[in-house]
Amino acid sequence: MFDTLDNYSFGTGLIMLLISLVLFTSLGLYLDKVLPKTYGEKKSCCFCLSCKRANVDEEDEGDELERERRSTLATTRKSVSDPFELKYLEKENYEPVPPEIARLELQNKFLKISDLTKTYPNGF
């Protein structure tokens, strides 16, 4: 494997292939985080060099926001019942209706369209 022929050996080629695999995989993962994209959050070019530690206050604030979101979800689910969303979607995939829209819908001051279909000229 390491026999040299014309200043080249098969083992050296495999080692270089492995090094380039690691190098280009790391570069691809880095560029995926840094370059602009349609969805997600773009990170700064030095994100891997900075270490950011969350404060206890930020964690408590995050927990409080999560509790508020869950209570809003529960209230909205009780006040506005969309049978499809409540029956077929899982809780983590269900985005609740904002409370002000739920209030307007309960007062019949909100436009709601259901069973909307379109028929093309070819009959489809």
PDB file of N, CA and C in Angstrom:
ATOM      1  N   MET A   1       0.819  -1.184   0.000  1.00  0.00           N
ATOM      2  CA  MET A   1       0.000   0.000   0.000  1.00  0.00           C
ATOM      3  C   MET A   1       0.876   1.265   0.000  1.00  0.00           C
ATOM      4  N   PHE A   2       2.008   1.189   0.672  1.00  0.00           N
ATOM      5  CA  PHE A   2       2.885   2.355   0.735  1.00  0.00           C
ATOM      6  C   PHE A   2       4.119   2.194  -0.146  1.00  0.00           C
ATOM      7  N   ASP A   3       4.045   1.303  -1.131  1.00  0.00           N
ATOM      8  CA  ASP A   3       5.146   1.187  -2.093  1.00  0.00           C
ATOM      9  C   ASP A   3       5.111   2.410  -3.002  1.00  0.00           C
ATOM     10  N   THR A   4       6.279   3.029  -3.196  1.00  0.00           N
ATOM     11  CA  THR A   4       6.356   4.265  -3.977  1.00  0.00           C
ATOM     12  C   THR A   4       6.619   3.946  -5.433  1.00  0.00           C
ATOM     13  N   LEU A   5       5.814   4.553  -6.298  1.00  0.00           N
ATOM     14  CA  LEU A   5       5.986   4.398  -7.734  1.00  0.00           C
ATOM     15  C   LEU A   5       5.858   5.784  -8.351  1.00  0.00           C
ATOM     16  N   ASP A   6       6.899   6.281  -8.969  1.00  0.00           N
ATOM     17  CA  ASP A   6       6.956   7.632  -9.540  1.00  0.00           C
ATOM     18  C   ASP A   6       6.617   8.694  -8.485  1.00  0.00           C
ATOM     19  N   ASN A   7       7.221   8.562  -7.308  1.00  0.00           N
ATOM     20  CA  ASN A   7       7.075   9.512  -6.209  1.00  0.00           C
ATOM     21  C   ASN A   7       5.621   9.604  -5.697  1.00  0.00           C
ATOM     22  N   TYR A   8       4.876   8.489  -5.792  1.00  0.00           N
ATOM     23  CA  TYR A   8       3.485   8.457  -5.342  1.00  0.00           C
ATOM     24  C   TYR A   8       3.186   7.073  -4.800  1.00  0.00           C
ATOM     25  N   SER A   9       2.400   7.016  -3.724  1.00  0.00           N
ATOM     26  CA  SER A   9       1.978   5.716  -3.204  1.00  0.00           C
ATOM     27  C   SER A   9       0.467   5.735  -2.986  1.00  0.00           C
ATOM     28  N   PHE A  10      -0.128   4.577  -3.050  1.00  0.00           N
ATOM     29  CA  PHE A  10      -1.575   4.433  -2.884  1.00  0.00           C
ATOM     30  C   PHE A  10      -2.003   4.870  -1.487  1.00  0.00           C
ATOM     31  N   GLY A  11      -1.240   4.544  -0.475  1.00  0.00           N
ATOM     32  CA  GLY A  11      -1.554   4.915   0.907  1.00  0.00           C
ATOM     33  C   GLY A  11      -1.563   6.427   1.093  1.00  0.00           C
ATOM     34  N   THR A  12      -0.592   7.104   0.480  1.00  0.00           N
ATOM     35  CA  THR A  12      -0.554   8.566   0.558  1.00  0.00           C
ATOM     36  C   THR A  12      -1.787   9.171  -0.103  1.00  0.00           C
ATOM     37  N   GLY A  13      -2.225   8.619  -1.213  1.00  0.00           N
ATOM     38  CA  GLY A  13      -3.429   9.090  -1.890  1.00  0.00           C
ATOM     39  C   GLY A  13      -4.669   8.919  -1.019  1.00  0.00           C
ATOM     40  N   LEU A  14      -4.780   7.782  -0.316  1.00  0.00           N
ATOM     41  CA  LEU A  14      -5.916   7.563   0.580  1.00  0.00           C
ATOM     42  C   LEU A  14      -5.909   8.535   1.752  1.00  0.00           C
ATOM     43  N   ILE A  15      -4.729   8.796   2.294  1.00  0.00           N
ATOM     44  CA  ILE A  15      -4.620   9.749   3.406  1.00  0.00           C
ATOM     45  C   ILE A  15      -5.015  11.150   2.938  1.00  0.00           C
ATOM     46  N   MET A  16      -4.555  11.542   1.752  1.00  0.00           N
ATOM     47  CA  MET A  16      -4.925  12.862   1.225  1.00  0.00           C
ATOM     48  C   MET A  16      -6.422  12.940   0.935  1.00  0.00           C
ATOM     49  N   LEU A  17      -7.008  11.840   0.472  1.00  0.00           N
ATOM     50  CA  LEU A  17      -8.449  11.802   0.221  1.00  0.00           C
ATOM     51  C   LEU A  17      -9.223  11.978   1.528  1.00  0.00           C
ATOM     52  N   LEU A  18      -8.792  11.337   2.581  1.00  0.00           N
ATOM     53  CA  LEU A  18      -9.438  11.460   3.889  1.00  0.00           C
ATOM     54  C   LEU A  18      -9.313  12.887   4.431  1.00  0.00           C
ATOM     55  N   ILE A  19      -8.139  13.491   4.295  1.00  0.00           N
ATOM     56  CA  ILE A  19      -7.940  14.867   4.758  1.00  0.00           C
ATOM     57  C   ILE A  19      -8.845  15.829   3.979  1.00  0.00           C
ATOM     58  N   SER A  20      -8.942  15.649   2.653  1.00  0.00           N
ATOM     59  CA  SER A  20      -9.798  16.539   1.862  1.00  0.00           C
ATOM     60  C   SER A  20     -11.266  16.322   2.198  1.00  0.00           C
ATOM     61  N   LEU A  21     -11.666  15.104   2.522  1.00  0.00           N
ATOM     62  CA  LEU A  21     -13.048  14.842   2.937  1.00  0.00           C
ATOM     63  C   LEU A  21     -13.386  15.613   4.204  1.00  0.00           C
ATOM     64  N   VAL A  22     -12.515  15.547   5.190  1.00  0.00           N
ATOM     65  CA  VAL A  22     -12.739  16.260   6.452  1.00  0.00           C
ATOM     66  C   VAL A  22     -12.726  17.768   6.212  1.00  0.00           C
ATOM     67  N   LEU A  23     -11.778  18.244   5.427  1.00  0.00           N
ATOM     68  CA  LEU A  23     -11.656  19.678   5.159  1.00  0.00           C
ATOM     69  C   LEU A  23     -12.892  20.231   4.445  1.00  0.00           C
ATOM     70  N   PHE A  24     -13.326  19.589   3.376  1.00  0.00           N
ATOM     71  CA  PHE A  24     -14.455  20.103   2.609  1.00  0.00           C
ATOM     72  C   PHE A  24     -15.792  19.890   3.320  1.00  0.00           C
ATOM     73  N   THR A  25     -15.911  18.854   4.117  1.00  0.00           N
ATOM     74  CA  THR A  25     -17.130  18.687   4.924  1.00  0.00           C
ATOM     75  C   THR A  25     -17.221  19.796   5.958  1.00  0.00           C
ATOM     76  N   SER A  26     -16.122  20.096   6.626  1.00  0.00           N
ATOM     77  CA  SER A  26     -16.106  21.189   7.606  1.00  0.00           C
ATOM     78  C   SER A  26     -16.409  22.521   6.936  1.00  0.00           C
ATOM     79  N   LEU A  27     -15.813  22.770   5.782  1.00  0.00           N
ATOM     80  CA  LEU A  27     -16.052  24.008   5.054  1.00  0.00           C
ATOM     81  C   LEU A  27     -17.522  24.122   4.626  1.00  0.00           C
ATOM     82  N   GLY A  28     -18.105  23.036   4.155  1.00  0.00           N
ATOM     83  CA  GLY A  28     -19.512  23.046   3.754  1.00  0.00           C
ATOM     84  C   GLY A  28     -20.436  23.328   4.926  1.00  0.00           C
ATOM     85  N   LEU A  29     -20.182  22.710   6.077  1.00  0.00           N
ATOM     86  CA  LEU A  29     -21.007  22.962   7.265  1.00  0.00           C
ATOM     87  C   LEU A  29     -20.865  24.402   7.740  1.00  0.00           C
ATOM     88  N   TYR A  30     -19.655  24.934   7.686  1.00  0.00           N
ATOM     89  CA  TYR A  30     -19.414  26.319   8.085  1.00  0.00           C
ATOM     90  C   TYR A  30     -20.147  27.285   7.157  1.00  0.00           C
ATOM     91  N   LEU A  31     -20.013  27.094   5.849  1.00  0.00           N
ATOM     92  CA  LEU A  31     -20.663  27.985   4.891  1.00  0.00           C
ATOM     93  C   LEU A  31     -22.184  27.879   4.963  1.00  0.00           C
ATOM     94  N   ASP A  32     -22.700  26.716   5.311  1.00  0.00           N
ATOM     95  CA  ASP A  32     -24.142  26.556   5.466  1.00  0.00           C
ATOM     96  C   ASP A  32     -24.670  27.428   6.600  1.00  0.00           C
ATOM     97  N   LYS A  33     -23.892  27.620   7.641  1.00  0.00           N
ATOM     98  CA  LYS A  33     -24.299  28.463   8.766  1.00  0.00           C
ATOM     99  C   LYS A  33     -24.108  29.947   8.482  1.00  0.00           C
ATOM    100  N   VAL A  34     -23.103  30.299   7.670  1.00  0.00           N
ATOM    101  CA  VAL A  34     -22.711  31.702   7.503  1.00  0.00           C
ATOM    102  C   VAL A  34     -23.379  32.377   6.303  1.00  0.00           C
ATOM    103  N   LEU A  35     -23.514  31.696   5.184  1.00  0.00           N
ATOM    104  CA  LEU A  35     -24.046  32.329   3.986  1.00  0.00           C
ATOM    105  C   LEU A  35     -25.537  32.604   4.126  1.00  0.00           C
ATOM    106  N   PRO A  36     -26.030  33.667   3.507  1.00  0.00           N
ATOM    107  CA  PRO A  36     -27.460  34.000   3.587  1.00  0.00           C
ATOM    108  C   PRO A  36     -28.311  32.892   2.979  1.00  0.00           C
ATOM    109  N   LYS A  37     -29.495  32.712   3.549  1.00  0.00           N
ATOM    110  CA  LYS A  37     -30.412  31.711   3.036  1.00  0.00           C
ATOM    111  C   LYS A  37     -31.840  32.198   3.209  1.00  0.00           C
ATOM    112  N   THR A  38     -32.758  31.517   2.593  1.00  0.00           N
ATOM    113  CA  THR A  38     -34.155  31.929   2.639  1.00  0.00           C
ATOM    114  C   THR A  38     -34.756  31.715   4.015  1.00  0.00           C
ATOM    115  N   TYR A  39     -34.498  30.576   4.631  1.00  0.00           N
ATOM    116  CA  TYR A  39     -35.071  30.246   5.924  1.00  0.00           C
ATOM    117  C   TYR A  39     -33.960  30.084   6.956  1.00  0.00           C
ATOM    118  N   GLY A  40     -34.282  30.313   8.183  1.00  0.00           N
ATOM    119  CA  GLY A  40     -33.311  30.144   9.248  1.00  0.00           C
ATOM    120  C   GLY A  40     -32.585  31.437   9.555  1.00  0.00           C
ATOM    121  N   GLU A  41     -31.657  31.328  10.468  1.00  0.00           N
ATOM    122  CA  GLU A  41     -30.929  32.505  10.928  1.00  0.00           C
ATOM    123  C   GLU A  41     -29.485  32.428  10.466  1.00  0.00           C
ATOM    124  N   LYS A  42     -28.997  33.506   9.864  1.00  0.00           N
ATOM    125  CA  LYS A  42     -27.609  33.578   9.408  1.00  0.00           C
ATOM    126  C   LYS A  42     -26.732  33.902  10.615  1.00  0.00           C
ATOM    127  N   LYS A  43     -25.639  33.171  10.761  1.00  0.00           N
ATOM    128  CA  LYS A  43     -24.714  33.419  11.868  1.00  0.00           C
ATOM    129  C   LYS A  43     -23.562  34.293  11.391  1.00  0.00           C
ATOM    130  N   SER A  44     -22.890  34.919  12.340  1.00  0.00           N
ATOM    131  CA  SER A  44     -21.744  35.750  11.982  1.00  0.00           C
ATOM    132  C   SER A  44     -20.595  34.862  11.521  1.00  0.00           C
ATOM    133  N   CYS A  45     -19.626  35.456  10.818  1.00  0.00           N
ATOM    134  CA  CYS A  45     -18.530  34.660  10.263  1.00  0.00           C
ATOM    135  C   CYS A  45     -17.609  34.092  11.340  1.00  0.00           C
ATOM    136  N   CYS A  46     -17.656  34.631  12.545  1.00  0.00           N
ATOM    137  CA  CYS A  46     -16.803  34.140  13.641  1.00  0.00           C
ATOM    138  C   CYS A  46     -17.620  33.414  14.710  1.00  0.00           C
ATOM    139  N   PHE A  47     -18.762  32.822  14.332  1.00  0.00           N
ATOM    140  CA  PHE A  47     -19.629  32.204  15.331  1.00  0.00           C
ATOM    141  C   PHE A  47     -18.958  31.039  16.051  1.00  0.00           C
ATOM    142  N   CYS A  48     -18.051  30.348  15.380  1.00  0.00           N
ATOM    143  CA  CYS A  48     -17.420  29.193  16.015  1.00  0.00           C
ATOM    144  C   CYS A  48     -16.320  29.601  16.994  1.00  0.00           C
ATOM    145  N   LEU A  49     -15.887  30.870  16.968  1.00  0.00           N
ATOM    146  CA  LEU A  49     -14.845  31.335  17.880  1.00  0.00           C
ATOM    147  C   LEU A  49     -15.409  31.954  19.150  1.00  0.00           C
ATOM    148  N   SER A  50     -16.670  32.351  19.116  1.00  0.00           N
ATOM    149  CA  SER A  50     -17.261  32.998  20.284  1.00  0.00           C
ATOM    150  C   SER A  50     -17.991  31.970  21.130  1.00  0.00           C
ATOM    151  N   CYS A  51     -17.886  32.158  22.430  1.00  0.00           N
ATOM    152  CA  CYS A  51     -18.640  31.295  23.326  1.00  0.00           C
ATOM    153  C   CYS A  51     -19.610  32.176  24.097  1.00  0.00           C
ATOM    154  N   LYS A  52     -20.876  31.913  23.904  1.00  0.00           N
ATOM    155  CA  LYS A  52     -21.908  32.717  24.533  1.00  0.00           C
ATOM    156  C   LYS A  52     -22.605  31.856  25.567  1.00  0.00           C
ATOM    157  N   ARG A  53     -22.689  32.381  26.762  1.00  0.00           N
ATOM    158  CA  ARG A  53     -23.305  31.643  27.843  1.00  0.00           C
ATOM    159  C   ARG A  53     -24.592  32.341  28.232  1.00  0.00           C
ATOM    160  N   ALA A  54     -25.653  31.601  28.334  1.00  0.00           N
ATOM    161  CA  ALA A  54     -26.951  32.182  28.676  1.00  0.00           C
ATOM    162  C   ALA A  54     -27.000  32.504  30.155  1.00  0.00           C
ATOM    163  N   ASN A  55     -27.565  33.663  30.454  1.00  0.00           N
ATOM    164  CA  ASN A  55     -27.765  34.045  31.842  1.00  0.00           C
ATOM    165  C   ASN A  55     -28.974  33.317  32.412  1.00  0.00           C
ATOM    166  N   VAL A  56     -29.004  33.199  33.711  1.00  0.00           N
ATOM    167  CA  VAL A  56     -30.126  32.543  34.369  1.00  0.00           C
ATOM    168  C   VAL A  56     -31.398  33.340  34.139  1.00  0.00           C
ATOM    169  N   ASP A  57     -31.298  34.687  34.103  1.00  0.00           N
ATOM    170  CA  ASP A  57     -32.468  35.522  33.869  1.00  0.00           C
ATOM    171  C   ASP A  57     -33.060  35.259  32.490  1.00  0.00           C
ATOM    172  N   GLU A  58     -32.199  35.088  31.474  1.00  0.00           N
ATOM    173  CA  GLU A  58     -32.684  34.812  30.131  1.00  0.00           C
ATOM    174  C   GLU A  58     -33.392  33.470  30.091  1.00  0.00           C
ATOM    175  N   GLU A  59     -32.876  32.471  30.805  1.00  0.00           N
ATOM    176  CA  GLU A  59     -33.522  31.167  30.835  1.00  0.00           C
ATOM    177  C   GLU A  59     -34.883  31.263  31.508  1.00  0.00           C
ATOM    178  N   ASP A  60     -34.965  32.022  32.626  1.00  0.00           N
ATOM    179  CA  ASP A  60     -36.241  32.191  33.308  1.00  0.00           C
ATOM    180  C   ASP A  60     -37.236  32.914  32.409  1.00  0.00           C
ATOM    181  N   GLU A  61     -36.758  33.922  31.673  1.00  0.00           N
ATOM    182  CA  GLU A  61     -37.624  34.661  30.771  1.00  0.00           C
ATOM    183  C   GLU A  61     -38.126  33.746  29.664  1.00  0.00           C
ATOM    184  N   GLY A  62     -37.259  32.886  29.159  1.00  0.00           N
ATOM    185  CA  GLY A  62     -37.659  31.933  28.124  1.00  0.00           C
ATOM    186  C   GLY A  62     -38.702  30.960  28.634  1.00  0.00           C
ATOM    187  N   ASP A  63     -38.540  30.478  29.887  1.00  0.00           N
ATOM    188  CA  ASP A  63     -39.526  29.581  30.482  1.00  0.00           C
ATOM    189  C   ASP A  63     -40.862  30.287  30.655  1.00  0.00           C
ATOM    190  N   GLU A  64     -40.808  31.545  31.072  1.00  0.00           N
ATOM    191  CA  GLU A  64     -42.038  32.314  31.270  1.00  0.00           C
ATOM    192  C   GLU A  64     -42.767  32.521  29.941  1.00  0.00           C
ATOM    193  N   LEU A  65     -42.015  32.832  28.885  1.00  0.00           N
ATOM    194  CA  LEU A  65     -42.625  32.990  27.573  1.00  0.00           C
ATOM    195  C   LEU A  65     -43.234  31.687  27.077  1.00  0.00           C
ATOM    196  N   GLU A  66     -42.559  30.580  27.352  1.00  0.00           N
ATOM    197  CA  GLU A  66     -43.088  29.275  26.948  1.00  0.00           C
ATOM    198  C   GLU A  66     -44.376  28.955  27.692  1.00  0.00           C
ATOM    199  N   ARG A  67     -44.443  29.262  28.992  1.00  0.00           N
ATOM    200  CA  ARG A  67     -45.677  29.036  29.761  1.00  0.00           C
ATOM    201  C   ARG A  67     -46.805  29.905  29.223  1.00  0.00           C
ATOM    202  N   GLU A  68     -46.489  31.162  28.887  1.00  0.00           N
ATOM    203  CA  GLU A  68     -47.511  32.068  28.342  1.00  0.00           C
ATOM    204  C   GLU A  68     -48.011  31.573  26.991  1.00  0.00           C
ATOM    205  N   ARG A  69     -47.096  31.079  26.163  1.00  0.00           N
ATOM    206  CA  ARG A  69     -47.482  30.559  24.856  1.00  0.00           C
ATOM    207  C   ARG A  69     -48.393  29.349  25.000  1.00  0.00           C
ATOM    208  N   ARG A  70     -48.067  28.466  25.937  1.00  0.00           N
ATOM    209  CA  ARG A  70     -48.897  27.279  26.155  1.00  0.00           C
ATOM    210  C   ARG A  70     -50.285  27.641  26.679  1.00  0.00           C
ATOM    211  N   SER A  71     -50.349  28.636  27.584  1.00  0.00           N
ATOM    212  CA  SER A  71     -51.662  29.028  28.097  1.00  0.00           C
ATOM    213  C   SER A  71     -52.492  29.678  26.996  1.00  0.00           C
ATOM    214  N   THR A  72     -51.843  30.482  26.126  1.00  0.00           N
ATOM    215  CA  THR A  72     -52.556  31.069  24.990  1.00  0.00           C
ATOM    216  C   THR A  72     -53.055  29.985  24.056  1.00  0.00           C
ATOM    217  N   LEU A  73     -52.207  28.967  23.839  1.00  0.00           N
ATOM    218  CA  LEU A  73     -52.598  27.851  22.995  1.00  0.00           C
ATOM    219  C   LEU A  73     -53.816  27.141  23.561  1.00  0.00           C
ATOM    220  N   ALA A  74     -53.801  26.892  24.862  1.00  0.00           N
ATOM    221  CA  ALA A  74     -54.932  26.207  25.493  1.00  0.00           C
ATOM    222  C   ALA A  74     -56.197  27.046  25.414  1.00  0.00           C
ATOM    223  N   THR A  75     -56.086  28.346  25.673  1.00  0.00           N
ATOM    224  CA  THR A  75     -57.246  29.241  25.602  1.00  0.00           C
ATOM    225  C   THR A  75     -57.792  29.301  24.185  1.00  0.00           C
ATOM    226  N   THR A  76     -56.903  29.423  23.226  1.00  0.00           N
ATOM    227  CA  THR A  76     -57.332  29.515  21.833  1.00  0.00           C
ATOM    228  C   THR A  76     -57.981  28.222  21.384  1.00  0.00           C
ATOM    229  N   ARG A  77     -57.432  27.100  21.791  1.00  0.00           N
ATOM    230  CA  ARG A  77     -58.015  25.814  21.410  1.00  0.00           C
ATOM    231  C   ARG A  77     -59.427  25.668  21.975  1.00  0.00           C
ATOM    232  N   LYS A  78     -59.654  26.218  23.175  1.00  0.00           N
ATOM    233  CA  LYS A  78     -60.978  26.115  23.771  1.00  0.00           C
ATOM    234  C   LYS A  78     -61.958  27.072  23.104  1.00  0.00           C
ATOM    235  N   SER A  79     -61.480  28.281  22.750  1.00  0.00           N
ATOM    236  CA  SER A  79     -62.390  29.302  22.250  1.00  0.00           C
ATOM    237  C   SER A  79     -62.699  29.135  20.764  1.00  0.00           C
ATOM    238  N   VAL A  80     -61.715  28.784  19.965  1.00  0.00           N
ATOM    239  CA  VAL A  80     -61.928  28.634  18.533  1.00  0.00           C
ATOM    240  C   VAL A  80     -61.648  27.185  18.182  1.00  0.00           C
ATOM    241  N   SER A  81     -62.676  26.508  17.751  1.00  0.00           N
ATOM    242  CA  SER A  81     -62.471  25.098  17.441  1.00  0.00           C
ATOM    243  C   SER A  81     -62.538  24.893  15.942  1.00  0.00           C
ATOM    244  N   ASP A  82     -61.397  24.622  15.352  1.00  0.00           N
ATOM    245  CA  ASP A  82     -61.327  24.259  13.948  1.00  0.00           C
ATOM    246  C   ASP A  82     -61.175  22.740  13.934  1.00  0.00           C
ATOM    247  N   PRO A  83     -62.205  22.028  13.544  1.00  0.00           N
ATOM    248  CA  PRO A  83     -62.190  20.566  13.680  1.00  0.00           C
ATOM    249  C   PRO A  83     -60.999  19.894  13.017  1.00  0.00           C
ATOM    250  N   PHE A  84     -60.609  20.358  11.825  1.00  0.00           N
ATOM    251  CA  PHE A  84     -59.489  19.716  11.139  1.00  0.00           C
ATOM    252  C   PHE A  84     -58.198  19.864  11.930  1.00  0.00           C
ATOM    253  N   GLU A  85     -57.896  21.094  12.345  1.00  0.00           N
ATOM    254  CA  GLU A  85     -56.639  21.343  13.042  1.00  0.00           C
ATOM    255  C   GLU A  85     -56.599  20.629  14.388  1.00  0.00           C
ATOM    256  N   LEU A  86     -57.709  20.637  15.107  1.00  0.00           N
ATOM    257  CA  LEU A  86     -57.722  20.002  16.419  1.00  0.00           C
ATOM    258  C   LEU A  86     -57.679  18.486  16.308  1.00  0.00           C
ATOM    259  N   LYS A  87     -58.278  17.941  15.249  1.00  0.00           N
ATOM    260  CA  LYS A  87     -58.360  16.493  15.136  1.00  0.00           C
ATOM    261  C   LYS A  87     -57.119  15.870  14.505  1.00  0.00           C
ATOM    262  N   TYR A  88     -56.584  16.496  13.448  1.00  0.00           N
ATOM    263  CA  TYR A  88     -55.553  15.841  12.654  1.00  0.00           C
ATOM    264  C   TYR A  88     -54.132  16.336  12.885  1.00  0.00           C
ATOM    265  N   LEU A  89     -53.953  17.502  13.492  1.00  0.00           N
ATOM    266  CA  LEU A  89     -52.603  18.016  13.692  1.00  0.00           C
ATOM    267  C   LEU A  89     -52.123  17.737  15.107  1.00  0.00           C
ATOM    268  N   GLU A  90     -50.844  17.439  15.225  1.00  0.00           N
ATOM    269  CA  GLU A  90     -50.257  17.253  16.545  1.00  0.00           C
ATOM    270  C   GLU A  90     -50.043  18.612  17.196  1.00  0.00           C
ATOM    271  N   LYS A  91     -49.970  18.635  18.517  1.00  0.00           N
ATOM    272  CA  LYS A  91     -49.862  19.904  19.247  1.00  0.00           C
ATOM    273  C   LYS A  91     -48.628  20.710  18.837  1.00  0.00           C
ATOM    274  N   GLU A  92     -47.490  20.039  18.601  1.00  0.00           N
ATOM    275  CA  GLU A  92     -46.282  20.784  18.261  1.00  0.00           C
ATOM    276  C   GLU A  92     -46.325  21.326  16.834  1.00  0.00           C
ATOM    277  N   ASN A  93     -47.231  20.824  15.993  1.00  0.00           N
ATOM    278  CA  ASN A  93     -47.359  21.310  14.623  1.00  0.00           C
ATOM    279  C   ASN A  93     -48.519  22.285  14.456  1.00  0.00           C
ATOM    280  N   TYR A  94     -49.214  22.584  15.511  1.00  0.00           N
ATOM    281  CA  TYR A  94     -50.403  23.437  15.451  1.00  0.00           C
ATOM    282  C   TYR A  94     -50.044  24.832  15.909  1.00  0.00           C
ATOM    283  N   GLU A  95     -50.242  25.812  15.038  1.00  0.00           N
ATOM    284  CA  GLU A  95     -50.002  27.199  15.422  1.00  0.00           C
ATOM    285  C   GLU A  95     -51.348  27.804  15.791  1.00  0.00           C
ATOM    286  N   PRO A  96     -51.506  28.209  17.031  1.00  0.00           N
ATOM    287  CA  PRO A  96     -52.815  28.700  17.456  1.00  0.00           C
ATOM    288  C   PRO A  96     -53.158  30.047  16.823  1.00  0.00           C
ATOM    289  N   VAL A  97     -54.438  30.300  16.772  1.00  0.00           N
ATOM    290  CA  VAL A  97     -54.921  31.582  16.284  1.00  0.00           C
ATOM    291  C   VAL A  97     -54.619  32.625  17.352  1.00  0.00           C
ATOM    292  N   PRO A  98     -54.101  33.800  16.976  1.00  0.00           N
ATOM    293  CA  PRO A  98     -53.850  34.839  17.978  1.00  0.00           C
ATOM    294  C   PRO A  98     -55.143  35.207  18.705  1.00  0.00           C
ATOM    295  N   PRO A  99     -55.059  35.558  19.998  1.00  0.00           N
ATOM    296  CA  PRO A  99     -56.262  35.812  20.797  1.00  0.00           C
ATOM    297  C   PRO A  99     -57.170  36.894  20.215  1.00  0.00           C
ATOM    298  N   GLU A 100     -56.591  37.963  19.628  1.00  0.00           N
ATOM    299  CA  GLU A 100     -57.451  39.023  19.094  1.00  0.00           C
ATOM    300  C   GLU A 100     -58.258  38.538  17.886  1.00  0.00           C
ATOM    301  N   ILE A 101     -57.680  37.658  17.089  1.00  0.00           N
ATOM    302  CA  ILE A 101     -58.411  37.102  15.948  1.00  0.00           C
ATOM    303  C   ILE A 101     -59.457  36.107  16.436  1.00  0.00           C
ATOM    304  N   ALA A 102     -59.127  35.335  17.460  1.00  0.00           N
ATOM    305  CA  ALA A 102     -60.107  34.407  18.024  1.00  0.00           C
ATOM    306  C   ALA A 102     -61.304  35.174  18.567  1.00  0.00           C
ATOM    307  N   ARG A 103     -61.057  36.296  19.221  1.00  0.00           N
ATOM    308  CA  ARG A 103     -62.146  37.117  19.763  1.00  0.00           C
ATOM    309  C   ARG A 103     -63.022  37.641  18.635  1.00  0.00           C
ATOM    310  N   LEU A 104     -62.416  38.138  17.550  1.00  0.00           N
ATOM    311  CA  LEU A 104     -63.186  38.639  16.416  1.00  0.00           C
ATOM    312  C   LEU A 104     -64.005  37.531  15.754  1.00  0.00           C
ATOM    313  N   GLU A 105     -63.417  36.347  15.686  1.00  0.00           N
ATOM    314  CA  GLU A 105     -64.130  35.228  15.067  1.00  0.00           C
ATOM    315  C   GLU A 105     -65.330  34.803  15.915  1.00  0.00           C
ATOM    316  N   LEU A 106     -65.179  34.812  17.225  1.00  0.00           N
ATOM    317  CA  LEU A 106     -66.303  34.456  18.098  1.00  0.00           C
ATOM    318  C   LEU A 106     -67.425  35.486  18.023  1.00  0.00           C
ATOM    319  N   GLN A 107     -67.089  36.739  17.723  1.00  0.00           N
ATOM    320  CA  GLN A 107     -68.091  37.804  17.597  1.00  0.00           C
ATOM    321  C   GLN A 107     -68.624  37.908  16.169  1.00  0.00           C
ATOM    322  N   ASN A 108     -68.234  36.986  15.296  1.00  0.00           N
ATOM    323  CA  ASN A 108     -68.632  36.979  13.886  1.00  0.00           C
ATOM    324  C   ASN A 108     -68.250  38.267  13.172  1.00  0.00           C
ATOM    325  N   LYS A 109     -67.103  38.836  13.505  1.00  0.00           N
ATOM    326  CA  LYS A 109     -66.586  40.030  12.857  1.00  0.00           C
ATOM    327  C   LYS A 109     -65.340  39.704  12.033  1.00  0.00           C
ATOM    328  N   PHE A 110     -65.209  38.454  11.653  1.00  0.00           N
ATOM    329  CA  PHE A 110     -64.011  38.020  10.956  1.00  0.00           C
ATOM    330  C   PHE A 110     -64.429  37.174   9.765  1.00  0.00           C
ATOM    331  N   LEU A 111     -63.791  37.384   8.627  1.00  0.00           N
ATOM    332  CA  LEU A 111     -64.115  36.629   7.427  1.00  0.00           C
ATOM    333  C   LEU A 111     -63.436  35.266   7.491  1.00  0.00           C
ATOM    334  N   LYS A 112     -64.230  34.219   7.289  1.00  0.00           N
ATOM    335  CA  LYS A 112     -63.687  32.865   7.305  1.00  0.00           C
ATOM    336  C   LYS A 112     -64.203  32.139   6.069  1.00  0.00           C
ATOM    337  N   ILE A 113     -63.304  31.585   5.302  1.00  0.00           N
ATOM    338  CA  ILE A 113     -63.666  30.862   4.084  1.00  0.00           C
ATOM    339  C   ILE A 113     -63.398  29.390   4.327  1.00  0.00           C
ATOM    340  N   SER A 114     -64.376  28.552   4.009  1.00  0.00           N
ATOM    341  CA  SER A 114     -64.181  27.112   4.170  1.00  0.00           C
ATOM    342  C   SER A 114     -64.712  26.393   2.938  1.00  0.00           C
ATOM    343  N   ASP A 115     -64.200  25.215   2.695  1.00  0.00           N
ATOM    344  CA  ASP A 115     -64.594  24.369   1.559  1.00  0.00           C
ATOM    345  C   ASP A 115     -64.459  25.102   0.225  1.00  0.00           C
ATOM    346  N   LEU A 116     -63.384  25.822   0.044  1.00  0.00           N
ATOM    347  CA  LEU A 116     -63.126  26.547  -1.190  1.00  0.00           C
ATOM    348  C   LEU A 116     -62.526  25.580  -2.206  1.00  0.00           C
ATOM    349  N   THR A 117     -63.081  25.553  -3.402  1.00  0.00           N
ATOM    350  CA  THR A 117     -62.563  24.687  -4.463  1.00  0.00           C
ATOM    351  C   THR A 117     -62.412  25.478  -5.738  1.00  0.00           C
ATOM    352  N   LYS A 118     -61.617  24.947  -6.663  1.00  0.00           N
ATOM    353  CA  LYS A 118     -61.439  25.558  -7.980  1.00  0.00           C
ATOM    354  C   LYS A 118     -61.570  24.463  -9.012  1.00  0.00           C
ATOM    355  N   THR A 119     -62.342  24.752 -10.059  1.00  0.00           N
ATOM    356  CA  THR A 119     -62.490  23.815 -11.169  1.00  0.00           C
ATOM    357  C   THR A 119     -61.867  24.450 -12.392  1.00  0.00           C
ATOM    358  N   TYR A 120     -60.904  23.759 -12.985  1.00  0.00           N
ATOM    359  CA  TYR A 120     -60.231  24.256 -14.168  1.00  0.00           C
ATOM    360  C   TYR A 120     -61.096  24.013 -15.410  1.00  0.00           C
ATOM    361  N   PRO A 121     -60.805  24.734 -16.514  1.00  0.00           N
ATOM    362  CA  PRO A 121     -61.621  24.570 -17.736  1.00  0.00           C
ATOM    363  C   PRO A 121     -61.658  23.136 -18.261  1.00  0.00           C
ATOM    364  N   ASN A 122     -60.601  22.355 -17.975  1.00  0.00           N
ATOM    365  CA  ASN A 122     -60.604  20.971 -18.462  1.00  0.00           C
ATOM    366  C   ASN A 122     -61.394  20.033 -17.547  1.00  0.00           C
ATOM    367  N   GLY A 123     -62.021  20.573 -16.502  1.00  0.00           N
ATOM    368  CA  GLY A 123     -62.849  19.759 -15.627  1.00  0.00           C
ATOM    369  C   GLY A 123     -62.134  19.245 -14.391  1.00  0.00           C
ATOM    370  N   PHE A 124     -60.833  19.418 -14.302  1.00  0.00           N
ATOM    371  CA  PHE A 124     -60.082  18.944 -13.135  1.00  0.00           C
ATOM    372  C   PHE A 124     -60.346  19.833 -11.947  1.00  0.00           C
TER     373      PHE A 124
END
